[in-house]
Amino acid sequence: METPVFEEVEPASDCDCAGCRHWRRVLPHSPAGRALAHPAAYRALVVATAAASAGAVPALGAGQAVALPAAAHAPQRPGVPAADEPGTPQGPRAPLHGATGRPAAPPAGAEPAAVTRTEIIDRARTWVAAKVPYSMTAYWSDGYRQDCSGFVSMAWKLPANEWTGSLATVADRITKEELAPGDILLFHNASDPQEGSHVVIFGGWTDGTHTAYTAYEQTPPHTRRLATPYAYWNNSAKYLPYRYKGVTAGTAGTAGAEQTPPEAAGPASHGVAGYPGRAMFRPGADNPYVTRLGRQLVAKGFGTHYTKGPGPRWGEADRRGVQAFQRAQGWRGGAADGHPGPETWRRLFS
């Protein structure tokens, strides 16, 4: 399987400090489509105007202007106030949290699931699309903690929530030249883990110079994907590349566990390889394709409706999982009815 190297570059976001967020909500948009000045400018203007009206300063004449203080931005890391760098405290190593909210420990002796690079990036994208809020104490519906290391644990399908101090135990150190989508850049500050420690998922180089890459990361206020200078906006020399030991170029899923239906490699329905036709997913259907579909939904991060492992009998959990995946594609109405058609199948298994 060919590994993607380049990804589209998204422009850096506007300032996301508390002040900017507040004034974006209350101030009108510029009719010319231009961004408004930083709130600090408005505050300075208000102060100057108030002072003038009170007689504290002379009224402004034509052509006079008030010198406004420069706004405090964080050029090192767009979207995060300078005083909040890096702003990603994390929780300790912890088990996953089940649907009931109680910790769900992995079975004794369980091996981490094998995962392909495509799966890692696809799983990371599900959190980006959902804009999962950052938290070091909350857990998302898939059981993973909503901080930077919980995000990587989710993308790598780890059986527990790791932290920056333990991720290296399930990964191998690699070089910059070896980086490929699904690997990570890890900075663990052993002397003070809460100060600076952070981890991001490498999504591919943005150009041939290898000076910038697409980073998937869990950071305040929510999961994001952003073109990032190598190795990171700050503490760059301290970020080290690692590769998950379970990454594979083969079929996704737990090593040796997935059984592919015998017809999967046979004639394609509607021109889509492996798609068995709508009849396999009707109410009461019982066949290995339902199991395969369910496992792929879980691998893509849409298996939260299952109370137990996907089985061969089509049920409401399957339909709701498919519907969630369809809505994530931007489909609505009848296009997101929860019944897998050929295009749903193609995207789900691409």
Protein backbone atom coordinates (compact mmCIF):
# COMPACT_ATOMS: atom_id res chain seq x y z
CA MET A 1 0.00 0.00 0.00
CA GLU A 2 1.39 3.35 -1.00
CA THR A 3 1.95 5.75 1.90
CA PRO A 4 0.65 9.32 1.36
CA VAL A 5 3.36 11.93 1.71
CA PHE A 6 1.66 15.25 1.05
CA GLU A 7 -1.52 16.72 2.47
CA GLU A 8 -3.41 19.89 1.80
CA VAL A 9 -2.28 22.83 3.89
CA GLU A 10 -4.84 24.66 5.98
CA PRO A 11 -4.17 28.32 6.77
CA ALA A 12 -3.35 29.25 10.32
CA SER A 13 -6.39 30.15 12.37
CA ASP A 14 -7.13 33.66 13.62
CA CYS A 15 -6.18 34.55 17.16
CA ASP A 16 -8.21 32.39 19.54
CA CYS A 17 -7.44 34.08 22.84
CA ALA A 18 -10.34 34.72 25.21
CA GLY A 19 -10.54 38.38 24.25
CA CYS A 20 -10.64 37.68 20.51
CA ARG A 21 -13.31 35.03 20.92
CA HIS A 22 -15.47 37.40 22.98
CA TRP A 23 -15.21 40.35 20.58
CA ARG A 24 -15.81 38.16 17.52
CA ARG A 25 -19.14 37.25 19.10
CA VAL A 26 -20.24 40.79 19.96
CA LEU A 27 -18.72 42.96 17.22
CA PRO A 28 -20.19 43.14 13.69
CA HIS A 29 -18.28 41.71 10.76
CA SER A 30 -16.46 44.09 8.46
CA PRO A 31 -18.65 44.86 5.44
CA ALA A 32 -15.59 44.66 3.24
CA GLY A 33 -14.84 41.19 4.47
CA ARG A 34 -11.66 42.24 6.25
CA ALA A 35 -10.88 40.97 9.72
CA LEU A 36 -11.47 43.37 12.57
CA ALA A 37 -8.55 44.72 14.53
CA HIS A 38 -7.43 42.93 17.66
CA PRO A 39 -9.71 43.67 20.67
CA ALA A 40 -6.82 45.41 22.39
CA ALA A 41 -7.15 48.16 19.80
CA TYR A 42 -10.87 48.59 20.53
CA ARG A 43 -10.22 48.69 24.25
CA ALA A 44 -7.55 51.37 23.79
CA LEU A 45 -9.86 53.42 21.58
CA VAL A 46 -12.68 53.18 24.11
CA VAL A 47 -10.36 54.32 26.91
CA ALA A 48 -9.06 57.24 24.85
CA THR A 49 -12.58 58.31 23.84
CA ALA A 50 -13.85 58.09 27.40
CA ALA A 51 -10.94 60.10 28.68
CA ALA A 52 -11.49 62.79 26.05
CA SER A 53 -15.17 63.10 26.89
CA ALA A 54 -14.26 63.46 30.58
CA GLY A 55 -11.87 66.29 29.80
CA ALA A 56 -8.78 64.33 30.81
CA VAL A 57 -7.19 64.81 27.38
CA PRO A 58 -7.80 67.37 24.65
CA ALA A 59 -10.24 66.43 21.93
CA LEU A 60 -8.67 65.00 18.82
CA GLY A 61 -8.37 67.27 15.83
CA ALA A 62 -8.54 66.30 12.17
CA GLY A 63 -5.77 63.97 11.17
CA GLN A 64 -4.85 63.14 14.77
CA ALA A 65 -4.80 59.54 15.93
CA VAL A 66 -4.44 57.75 19.20
CA ALA A 67 -1.36 55.52 19.52
CA LEU A 68 -2.77 52.10 20.27
CA PRO A 69 -0.76 49.46 22.14
CA ALA A 70 0.35 46.43 20.18
CA ALA A 71 -1.74 43.32 20.64
CA ALA A 72 -0.25 40.28 22.34
CA HIS A 73 -0.35 37.33 19.95
CA ALA A 74 1.38 33.98 19.94
CA PRO A 75 3.19 33.74 16.60
CA GLN A 76 4.88 30.52 17.69
CA ARG A 77 1.59 28.66 17.83
CA PRO A 78 -1.49 30.06 16.07
CA GLY A 79 -4.72 29.87 18.00
CA VAL A 80 -3.17 29.73 21.48
CA PRO A 81 -2.40 32.77 23.68
CA ALA A 82 1.29 33.36 24.33
CA ALA A 83 0.79 33.04 28.08
CA ASP A 84 -0.72 29.60 27.63
CA GLU A 85 2.12 27.80 25.85
CA PRO A 86 1.84 24.92 25.29
CA GLY A 87 -1.45 24.71 27.20
CA THR A 88 -1.74 20.92 27.10
CA PRO A 89 -1.52 19.47 30.62
CA GLN A 90 -2.36 15.77 30.62
CA GLY A 91 -3.65 13.03 32.82
CA PRO A 92 -1.64 9.95 33.87
CA ARG A 93 -1.67 6.54 32.25
CA ALA A 94 -5.20 5.18 32.72
CA PRO A 95 -7.58 2.49 31.43
CA LEU A 96 -10.22 3.21 28.84
CA HIS A 97 -13.61 4.40 30.05
CA GLY A 98 -16.60 2.30 29.02
CA ALA A 99 -20.04 3.47 27.96
CA THR A 100 -21.18 3.47 31.61
CA GLY A 101 -18.41 5.88 32.57
CA ARG A 102 -16.54 3.24 34.57
CA PRO A 103 -12.93 2.38 33.68
CA ALA A 104 -12.70 -0.60 31.34
CA ALA A 105 -9.39 -2.39 31.79
CA PRO A 106 -8.03 -4.41 28.84
CA PRO A 107 -8.08 -8.22 29.19
CA ALA A 108 -5.02 -9.71 30.88
CA GLY A 109 -2.28 -10.36 28.36
CA ALA A 110 -4.08 -8.49 25.57
CA GLU A 111 -1.82 -7.36 22.76
CA PRO A 112 -2.24 -3.90 21.21
CA ALA A 113 -4.25 -4.03 18.01
CA ALA A 114 -2.38 -3.84 14.75
CA VAL A 115 -3.24 -0.72 12.77
CA THR A 116 -2.42 0.61 9.31
CA ARG A 117 -1.21 4.13 8.61
CA THR A 118 -4.45 4.88 6.78
CA GLU A 119 -6.43 3.82 9.85
CA ILE A 120 -4.35 6.02 12.14
CA ILE A 121 -4.96 9.12 10.05
CA ASP A 122 -8.63 8.27 9.51
CA ARG A 123 -9.14 7.81 13.25
CA ALA A 124 -7.36 11.10 13.95
CA ARG A 125 -9.64 12.83 11.45
CA THR A 126 -12.75 11.66 13.29
CA TRP A 127 -11.75 13.75 16.32
CA VAL A 128 -10.85 16.70 14.09
CA ALA A 129 -14.26 16.50 12.42
CA ALA A 130 -16.02 16.21 15.79
CA LYS A 131 -13.92 19.06 17.27
CA VAL A 132 -13.45 17.05 20.44
CA PRO A 133 -12.98 19.55 23.32
CA TYR A 134 -9.62 19.43 25.09
CA SER A 135 -9.67 18.05 28.62
CA MET A 136 -7.23 16.17 30.83
CA THR A 137 -10.06 14.69 32.91
CA ALA A 138 -12.91 14.04 30.44
CA TYR A 139 -13.23 10.97 28.21
CA TRP A 140 -14.72 10.91 24.71
CA SER A 141 -17.42 8.40 23.73
CA ASP A 142 -14.77 5.97 22.46
CA GLY A 143 -13.22 5.73 25.96
CA TYR A 144 -10.09 7.79 25.31
CA ARG A 145 -9.02 10.76 27.41
CA GLN A 146 -9.40 14.09 25.65
CA ASP A 147 -5.80 15.28 25.95
CA CYS A 148 -2.81 15.04 23.59
CA SER A 149 -1.65 11.57 24.67
CA GLY A 150 -5.21 10.23 24.84
CA PHE A 151 -5.63 11.38 21.24
CA VAL A 152 -2.57 9.42 20.12
CA SER A 153 -3.73 6.41 22.15
CA MET A 154 -7.04 6.55 20.27
CA ALA A 155 -5.46 6.93 16.83
CA TRP A 156 -3.09 4.02 17.53
CA LYS A 157 -5.95 1.88 18.93
CA LEU A 158 -4.06 1.31 22.18
CA PRO A 159 -5.83 -0.72 24.91
CA ALA A 160 -5.28 2.05 27.50
CA ASN A 161 -4.82 5.80 27.75
CA GLU A 162 -1.07 6.35 27.67
CA TRP A 163 0.70 9.60 28.53
CA THR A 164 3.80 11.29 27.12
CA GLY A 165 5.94 9.42 29.64
CA SER A 166 4.75 5.99 28.45
CA LEU A 167 4.07 6.36 24.71
CA ALA A 168 7.72 5.61 23.93
CA THR A 169 7.31 2.14 25.51
CA VAL A 170 4.93 1.09 22.69
CA ALA A 171 6.95 2.78 19.95
CA ASP A 172 10.38 2.76 18.35
CA ARG A 173 12.58 5.81 17.92
CA ILE A 174 13.06 6.74 14.26
CA THR A 175 14.79 9.52 12.30
CA LYS A 176 13.26 12.57 10.64
CA GLU A 177 13.89 11.01 7.22
CA GLU A 178 11.90 7.90 8.23
CA LEU A 179 8.78 9.83 9.30
CA ALA A 180 5.58 8.67 7.62
CA PRO A 181 1.89 9.44 8.23
CA GLY A 182 0.78 7.89 11.52
CA ASP A 183 4.10 8.36 13.31
CA ILE A 184 4.37 10.88 16.16
CA LEU A 185 6.57 13.73 17.34
CA LEU A 186 6.91 13.45 21.10
CA PHE A 187 8.27 15.84 23.72
CA HIS A 188 8.25 14.48 27.25
CA ASN A 189 9.67 16.81 29.86
CA ALA A 190 10.77 14.25 32.46
CA SER A 191 11.82 16.85 35.04
CA ASP A 192 8.42 18.57 34.94
CA PRO A 193 5.87 16.58 32.87
CA GLN A 194 3.21 19.29 33.13
CA GLU A 195 5.55 21.92 31.67
CA GLY A 196 5.92 21.62 27.91
CA SER A 197 5.19 17.91 27.41
CA HIS A 198 3.17 17.37 24.24
CA VAL A 199 2.71 14.93 21.36
CA VAL A 200 1.35 15.32 17.83
CA ILE A 201 0.59 12.91 14.99
CA PHE A 202 2.61 13.35 11.80
CA GLY A 203 0.26 13.58 8.81
CA GLY A 204 2.77 14.02 5.97
CA TRP A 205 5.14 16.66 4.63
CA THR A 206 3.51 19.74 3.15
CA ASP A 207 6.23 20.13 0.49
CA GLY A 208 9.49 18.66 -0.71
CA THR A 209 11.70 20.74 1.58
CA HIS A 210 10.61 18.78 4.70
CA THR A 211 10.53 21.97 6.75
CA ALA A 212 6.80 21.79 7.49
CA TYR A 213 4.26 19.02 7.92
CA THR A 214 0.58 18.47 8.65
CA ALA A 215 0.09 17.89 12.37
CA TYR A 216 -2.95 16.29 13.97
CA GLU A 217 -3.09 17.23 17.62
CA GLN A 218 -5.34 17.53 20.65
CA THR A 219 -4.83 21.00 22.06
CA PRO A 220 -7.05 23.73 23.53
CA PRO A 221 -9.75 24.45 22.58
CA HIS A 222 -10.26 21.26 20.50
CA THR A 223 -8.66 18.75 18.14
CA ARG A 224 -7.14 20.33 15.06
CA ARG A 225 -5.14 19.70 11.89
CA LEU A 226 -2.65 22.38 10.99
CA ALA A 227 0.45 22.93 8.84
CA THR A 228 3.26 23.05 11.39
CA PRO A 229 6.99 23.89 11.16
CA TYR A 230 9.26 20.94 11.89
CA ALA A 231 9.51 19.81 14.63
CA TYR A 232 7.07 22.12 16.44
CA TRP A 233 6.23 25.76 17.07
CA ASN A 234 8.31 25.90 20.26
CA ASN A 235 10.79 23.58 22.00
CA SER A 236 11.40 22.25 18.51
CA ALA A 237 14.68 20.50 19.30
CA LYS A 238 13.01 18.51 22.08
CA TYR A 239 10.41 16.80 19.85
CA LEU A 240 11.54 13.32 18.84
CA PRO A 241 10.00 11.11 16.11
CA TYR A 242 8.57 7.71 17.10
CA ARG A 243 6.76 4.89 15.28
CA TYR A 244 4.12 2.67 16.88
CA LYS A 245 5.36 -0.92 17.13
CA GLY A 246 2.03 -2.28 15.90
CA VAL A 247 1.82 -0.26 12.69
CA THR A 248 1.42 -2.47 9.64
CA ALA A 249 1.01 -2.06 5.91
CA GLY A 250 -1.35 -5.05 5.78
CA THR A 251 -5.04 -5.47 6.52
CA ALA A 252 -6.28 -3.36 9.42
CA GLY A 253 -7.51 -4.85 12.65
CA THR A 254 -6.08 -7.02 15.41
CA ALA A 255 -3.29 -9.19 14.03
CA GLY A 256 -4.67 -12.49 12.82
CA ALA A 257 -8.16 -11.78 14.13
CA GLU A 258 -10.09 -10.48 11.14
CA GLN A 259 -11.62 -13.05 8.86
CA THR A 260 -12.33 -11.66 5.42
CA PRO A 261 -15.47 -13.05 3.79
CA PRO A 262 -14.57 -15.36 0.93
CA GLU A 263 -16.53 -13.24 -1.54
CA ALA A 264 -14.66 -10.04 -0.62
CA ALA A 265 -12.15 -10.48 -3.42
CA GLY A 266 -14.73 -11.73 -5.88
CA PRO A 267 -16.92 -9.81 -8.36
CA ALA A 268 -17.77 -6.31 -7.18
CA SER A 269 -21.33 -5.03 -6.87
CA HIS A 270 -21.99 -1.59 -8.42
CA GLY A 271 -18.35 -1.52 -9.49
CA VAL A 272 -17.12 -1.31 -5.87
CA ALA A 273 -14.62 -3.98 -4.87
CA GLY A 274 -15.82 -6.15 -2.01
CA TYR A 275 -19.27 -4.58 -1.76
CA PRO A 276 -21.74 -7.49 -1.51
CA GLY A 277 -24.94 -5.60 -2.30
CA ARG A 278 -27.70 -4.03 -0.21
CA ALA A 279 -29.41 -7.34 0.50
CA MET A 280 -26.63 -8.27 2.94
CA PHE A 281 -27.61 -5.43 5.27
CA ARG A 282 -31.38 -5.72 5.48
CA PRO A 283 -33.19 -6.31 8.81
CA GLY A 284 -32.58 -9.88 9.94
CA ALA A 285 -29.53 -10.33 7.69
CA ASP A 286 -26.95 -12.69 9.19
CA ASN A 287 -23.67 -13.01 7.30
CA PRO A 288 -19.92 -12.35 7.63
CA TYR A 289 -20.22 -9.06 5.73
CA VAL A 290 -22.10 -7.54 8.66
CA THR A 291 -19.22 -8.52 10.94
CA ARG A 292 -16.68 -7.06 8.57
CA LEU A 293 -18.66 -3.84 8.28
CA GLY A 294 -18.93 -3.53 12.07
CA ARG A 295 -15.22 -4.08 12.60
CA GLN A 296 -14.42 -1.40 10.08
CA LEU A 297 -16.81 1.01 11.79
CA VAL A 298 -14.98 0.38 15.07
CA ALA A 299 -11.61 0.88 13.38
CA LYS A 300 -12.79 4.20 11.94
CA GLY A 301 -14.09 5.41 15.30
CA PHE A 302 -17.81 4.90 14.64
CA GLY A 303 -18.38 1.86 16.85
CA THR A 304 -19.65 3.63 19.95
CA HIS A 305 -23.15 2.17 19.55
CA TYR A 306 -21.97 -1.41 20.07
CA THR A 307 -22.45 -2.81 23.56
CA LYS A 308 -20.45 -5.88 22.53
CA GLY A 309 -18.26 -6.78 19.58
CA PRO A 310 -19.77 -6.53 16.07
CA GLY A 311 -21.47 -9.76 15.09
CA PRO A 312 -22.82 -11.36 11.95
CA ARG A 313 -26.44 -10.31 12.56
CA TRP A 314 -27.50 -6.87 11.29
CA GLY A 315 -28.93 -4.72 14.07
CA GLU A 316 -29.69 -1.18 15.18
CA ALA A 317 -26.13 -0.66 16.45
CA ASP A 318 -24.83 -1.38 12.94
CA ARG A 319 -27.33 1.00 11.36
CA ARG A 320 -26.56 3.83 13.79
CA GLY A 321 -22.82 3.36 13.30
CA VAL A 322 -23.21 3.51 9.52
CA GLN A 323 -25.43 6.58 9.85
CA ALA A 324 -22.81 8.35 12.00
CA PHE A 325 -20.18 7.58 9.37
CA GLN A 326 -22.45 8.86 6.58
CA ARG A 327 -23.13 12.10 8.44
CA ALA A 328 -19.38 12.55 8.93
CA GLN A 329 -19.15 12.61 5.12
CA GLY A 330 -21.51 15.58 5.12
CA TRP A 331 -24.52 13.58 3.92
CA ARG A 332 -28.02 14.29 5.18
CA GLY A 333 -31.55 13.00 4.68
CA GLY A 334 -31.91 9.77 2.74
CA ALA A 335 -28.20 9.73 1.98
CA ALA A 336 -27.57 9.18 5.71
CA ASP A 337 -30.18 6.50 6.47
CA GLY A 338 -27.71 4.09 8.06
CA HIS A 339 -27.89 1.48 5.28
CA PRO A 340 -24.55 0.97 3.50
CA GLY A 341 -24.74 1.56 -0.23
CA PRO A 342 -21.81 1.16 -2.61
CA GLU A 343 -20.41 4.65 -2.00
CA THR A 344 -20.62 4.24 1.78
CA TRP A 345 -18.78 0.92 1.46
CA ARG A 346 -16.12 2.40 -0.85
CA ARG A 347 -15.37 5.27 1.55
CA LEU A 348 -15.49 3.09 4.64
CA PHE A 349 -12.96 0.62 3.24
CA SER A 350 -10.84 3.02 1.17
